[in-house]
Every structure is written in structure tokens, then in C-alpha cells.
C-alpha atoms as a PDB file:
ATOM      1  CA  MET A   1       3.450  -1.018 -41.493  1.00  0.00           C
ATOM      2  CA  LYS A   2      -0.133  -1.419 -42.625  1.00  0.00           C
ATOM      3  CA  THR A   3      -2.805  -1.347 -39.704  1.00  0.00           C
ATOM      4  CA  ILE A   4      -5.689  -3.494 -39.671  1.00  0.00           C
ATOM      5  CA  LEU A   5      -8.062  -1.300 -41.007  1.00  0.00           C
ATOM      6  CA  ASP A   6      -5.886  -0.799 -43.664  1.00  0.00           C
ATOM      7  CA  LYS A   7      -5.405  -4.662 -44.586  1.00  0.00           C
ATOM      8  CA  LEU A   8      -9.161  -5.368 -44.283  1.00  0.00           C
ATOM      9  CA  LYS A   9     -10.580  -2.333 -46.358  1.00  0.00           C
ATOM     10  CA  PRO A  10      -9.286  -4.387 -49.942  1.00  0.00           C
ATOM     11  CA  PHE A  11     -10.827  -7.533 -48.377  1.00  0.00           C
ATOM     12  CA  VAL A  12     -14.364  -6.109 -47.833  1.00  0.00           C
ATOM     13  CA  ALA A  13     -14.189  -4.414 -51.047  1.00  0.00           C
ATOM     14  CA  GLY A  14     -13.253  -7.371 -53.050  1.00  0.00           C
ATOM     15  CA  VAL A  15     -15.564  -9.474 -50.786  1.00  0.00           C
ATOM     16  CA  ALA A  16     -18.409  -6.565 -52.032  1.00  0.00           C
ATOM     17  CA  ALA A  17     -17.423  -6.991 -55.972  1.00  0.00           C
ATOM     18  CA  LYS A  18     -17.361 -10.154 -56.035  1.00  0.00           C
ATOM     19  CA  ALA A  19     -19.717 -12.278 -54.682  1.00  0.00           C
ATOM     20  CA  LYS A  20     -23.626 -10.674 -54.669  1.00  0.00           C
ATOM     21  CA  VAL A  21     -23.404  -9.712 -50.992  1.00  0.00           C
ATOM     22  CA  ARG A  22     -26.305  -7.432 -49.649  1.00  0.00           C
ATOM     23  CA  LYS A  23     -26.003  -4.038 -48.728  1.00  0.00           C
ATOM     24  CA  GLY A  24     -27.340  -4.893 -45.385  1.00  0.00           C
ATOM     25  CA  THR A  25     -24.802  -7.694 -44.174  1.00  0.00           C
ATOM     26  CA  LEU A  26     -22.009  -5.380 -45.069  1.00  0.00           C
ATOM     27  CA  THR A  27     -24.076  -2.745 -43.352  1.00  0.00           C
ATOM     28  CA  ALA A  28     -24.250  -5.243 -40.342  1.00  0.00           C
ATOM     29  CA  PHE A  29     -20.837  -7.232 -40.421  1.00  0.00           C
ATOM     30  CA  GLY A  30     -18.997  -3.233 -40.371  1.00  0.00           C
ATOM     31  CA  ILE A  31     -22.122  -2.196 -37.086  1.00  0.00           C
ATOM     32  CA  PHE A  32     -20.689  -5.801 -35.709  1.00  0.00           C
ATOM     33  CA  PHE A  33     -17.097  -4.746 -36.155  1.00  0.00           C
ATOM     34  CA  PHE A  34     -17.328  -0.857 -34.923  1.00  0.00           C
ATOM     35  CA  LEU A  35     -19.337  -2.238 -32.095  1.00  0.00           C
ATOM     36  CA  GLN A  36     -16.914  -4.697 -31.207  1.00  0.00           C
ATOM     37  CA  ILE A  37     -14.160  -2.795 -31.573  1.00  0.00           C
ATOM     38  CA  TYR A  38     -16.039   0.267 -29.189  1.00  0.00           C
ATOM     39  CA  PHE A  39     -16.617  -2.599 -26.587  1.00  0.00           C
ATOM     40  CA  VAL A  40     -12.779  -3.792 -26.335  1.00  0.00           C
ATOM     41  CA  ARG A  41     -12.054  -0.210 -25.708  1.00  0.00           C
ATOM     42  CA  GLU A  42     -14.942   0.415 -22.938  1.00  0.00           C
ATOM     43  CA  LEU A  43     -13.768  -3.046 -21.281  1.00  0.00           C
ATOM     44  CA  LEU A  44      -9.728  -1.966 -21.326  1.00  0.00           C
ATOM     45  CA  ALA A  45     -10.680   1.864 -19.920  1.00  0.00           C
ATOM     46  CA  ALA A  46     -13.041   0.047 -17.080  1.00  0.00           C
ATOM     47  CA  GLU A  47     -10.584  -2.714 -16.349  1.00  0.00           C
ATOM     48  CA  MET A  48      -7.578   0.398 -16.052  1.00  0.00           C
ATOM     49  CA  LEU A  49      -9.921   2.389 -13.628  1.00  0.00           C
ATOM     50  CA  PHE A  50     -10.647  -0.706 -11.765  1.00  0.00           C
ATOM     51  CA  ALA A  51      -7.343  -1.540 -11.545  1.00  0.00           C
ATOM     52  CA  LEU A  52      -6.655   2.011 -10.247  1.00  0.00           C
ATOM     53  CA  ALA A  53      -9.262   2.183  -7.575  1.00  0.00           C
ATOM     54  CA  PHE A  54      -7.722  -1.310  -6.368  1.00  0.00           C
ATOM     55  CA  GLY A  55      -4.281   0.283  -6.396  1.00  0.00           C
ATOM     56  CA  VAL A  56      -5.824   3.169  -4.443  1.00  0.00           C
ATOM     57  CA  VAL A  57      -6.893   0.805  -1.751  1.00  0.00           C
ATOM     58  CA  LEU A  58      -4.173  -1.301  -1.955  1.00  0.00           C
ATOM     59  CA  VAL A  59      -1.979   2.122  -0.674  1.00  0.00           C
ATOM     60  CA  ILE A  60      -4.721   2.922   1.656  1.00  0.00           C
ATOM     61  CA  GLY A  61      -4.919  -0.686   3.641  1.00  0.00           C
ATOM     62  CA  GLY A  62      -0.884  -0.709   3.350  1.00  0.00           C
ATOM     63  CA  THR A  63      -0.376   2.932   5.009  1.00  0.00           C
ATOM     64  CA  ALA A  64      -3.054   1.621   7.748  1.00  0.00           C
ATOM     65  CA  TYR A  65      -1.115  -1.590   8.502  1.00  0.00           C
ATOM     66  CA  LEU A  66       2.637   0.142   7.690  1.00  0.00           C
ATOM     67  CA  LEU A  67       1.093   2.377  10.654  1.00  0.00           C
ATOM     68  CA  GLY A  68      -0.422  -0.286  13.143  1.00  0.00           C
ATOM     69  CA  ALA A  69       3.010  -1.846  12.787  1.00  0.00           C
ATOM     70  CA  LEU A  70       4.667   1.421  13.975  1.00  0.00           C
ATOM     71  CA  GLY A  71       2.638   1.627  16.746  1.00  0.00           C
ATOM     72  CA  GLU A  72       2.748  -2.209  18.089  1.00  0.00           C
ATOM     73  CA  ARG A  73       6.818  -1.520  17.545  1.00  0.00           C
ATOM     74  CA  GLY A  74       7.014   2.117  19.579  1.00  0.00           C
ATOM     75  CA  LEU A  75       5.045   0.747  22.168  1.00  0.00           C
ATOM     76  CA  ASP A  76       7.175  -1.811  22.432  1.00  0.00           C
ATOM     77  CA  MET A  77      10.173  -0.095  22.677  1.00  0.00           C
ATOM     78  CA  THR A  78       8.653   2.434  24.734  1.00  0.00           C
ATOM     79  CA  GLU A  79       7.786  -0.488  27.404  1.00  0.00           C
ATOM     80  CA  ALA A  80      11.463  -1.945  27.268  1.00  0.00           C
ATOM     81  CA  GLY A  81      12.725   2.228  27.864  1.00  0.00           C
ATOM     82  CA  ILE A  82      10.083   2.236  30.814  1.00  0.00           C
ATOM     83  CA  ARG A  83      11.248  -0.843  32.177  1.00  0.00           C
ATOM     84  CA  VAL A  84      15.096   0.411  31.865  1.00  0.00           C
ATOM     85  CA  LEU A  85      14.028   3.606  33.612  1.00  0.00           C
ATOM     86  CA  ALA A  86      12.052   1.875  36.761  1.00  0.00           C
ATOM     87  CA  ARG A  87      15.076  -0.451  37.678  1.00  0.00           C
ATOM     88  CA  SER A  88      17.012   2.704  37.193  1.00  0.00           C
ATOM     89  CA  ALA A  89      15.004   4.512  39.826  1.00  0.00           C
ATOM     90  CA  ARG A  90      14.828   1.668  42.154  1.00  0.00           C
ATOM     91  CA  ARG A  91      18.203   1.548  42.593  1.00  0.00           C
ATOM     92  CA  GLY A  92      18.476   5.216  42.974  1.00  0.00           C
ATOM     93  CA  TYR A  93      15.955   4.980  45.937  1.00  0.00           C
ATOM     94  CA  SER A  94      17.651   2.239  47.632  1.00  0.00           C
ATOM     95  CA  LEU A  95      20.917   3.777  47.137  1.00  0.00           C
ATOM     96  CA  MET A  96      19.451   7.293  48.661  1.00  0.00           C
ATOM     97  CA  ASP A  97      17.862   4.780  51.595  1.00  0.00           C
ATOM     98  CA  GLU A  98      20.569   3.212  52.433  1.00  0.00           C
ATOM     99  CA  LEU A  99      22.705   6.509  52.694  1.00  0.00           C
ATOM    100  CA  SER A 100      20.057   8.086  54.454  1.00  0.00           C
ATOM    101  CA  ARG A 101      20.525   5.352  57.200  1.00  0.00           C
ATOM    102  CA  LYS A 102      24.124   5.278  57.616  1.00  0.00           C
ATOM    103  CA  PRO A 103      25.426   8.350  59.716  1.00  0.00           C
ATOM    104  CA  PHE A 104      27.603  11.132  58.033  1.00  0.00           C
ATOM    105  CA  ARG A 105      30.528  10.496  60.559  1.00  0.00           C
ATOM    106  CA  HIS A 106      32.572   7.379  61.612  1.00  0.00           C
ATOM    107  CA  PRO A 107      31.823   6.479  64.810  1.00  0.00           C
ATOM    108  CA  ARG A 108      35.442   6.307  65.749  1.00  0.00           C
ATOM    109  CA  SER A 109      36.335   9.714  64.246  1.00  0.00           C
ATOM    110  CA  GLU A 110      37.268  12.587  66.854  1.00  0.00           C
ATOM    111  CA  SER A 111      34.442  14.658  66.731  1.00  0.00           C
ATOM    112  CA  ALA A 112      32.047  12.147  67.517  1.00  0.00           C
ATOM    113  CA  GLN A 113      33.901  11.235  70.666  1.00  0.00           C
END
């Protein structure tokens, strides 16, 4: 499989031989062609660098968002756990209060009479 430059060389040689084209025109065409290849390479390299930079920004932003979402989720779960713990503590406190008000002995027991 021939590359584009291999196909282009005979064409340019034929044009230069058949037509009386000036050397300056061919030189200008060659410089223009070379600069086009160079600029395309540079643009592709710049585009790749920008894509890499945007990828890094995307990863950093996604990580920050994920950590924020996990933090909010953790706070919600902590709040639910604290509510359960508070309910249990209230029940335990009321049970202890109720037990402390009752006498240790039954009023009709043998030792109480």
C-alpha cells in the first residue's frame, strides 16, 4: 500500500517535466504543502493536550462530586442512627424511672408485714 507522498511524487515530477512551471512556484507549493502537514500535526497535538487536560478536570470534578454525595449520604445515615439511639435511650430512661418508683417488695409479702 503506497502512501500519499509516494503517489504524489510522480504527479509532481510529471507536472514539472511536461509544463514549464517555474521553480519558485513548485517551491512555494512544496512549502505550503509542508506547512499544511505541520499545522495539522500541531493542531492534533494541541487537541490531544486539551482533551487530556479536560479529562483531568473531569476526573477531579467527578471525584469532588462523589465525595460530596457520599458525605451527604453519610450525614443522612448518621442522623437516622442517632434518632434510633435517642429513642432507645428515652425508652431505657423511662423504664429505669418506672422501676425506681416501684417498691422492691410487694406490699402483701411476708417481710413487709
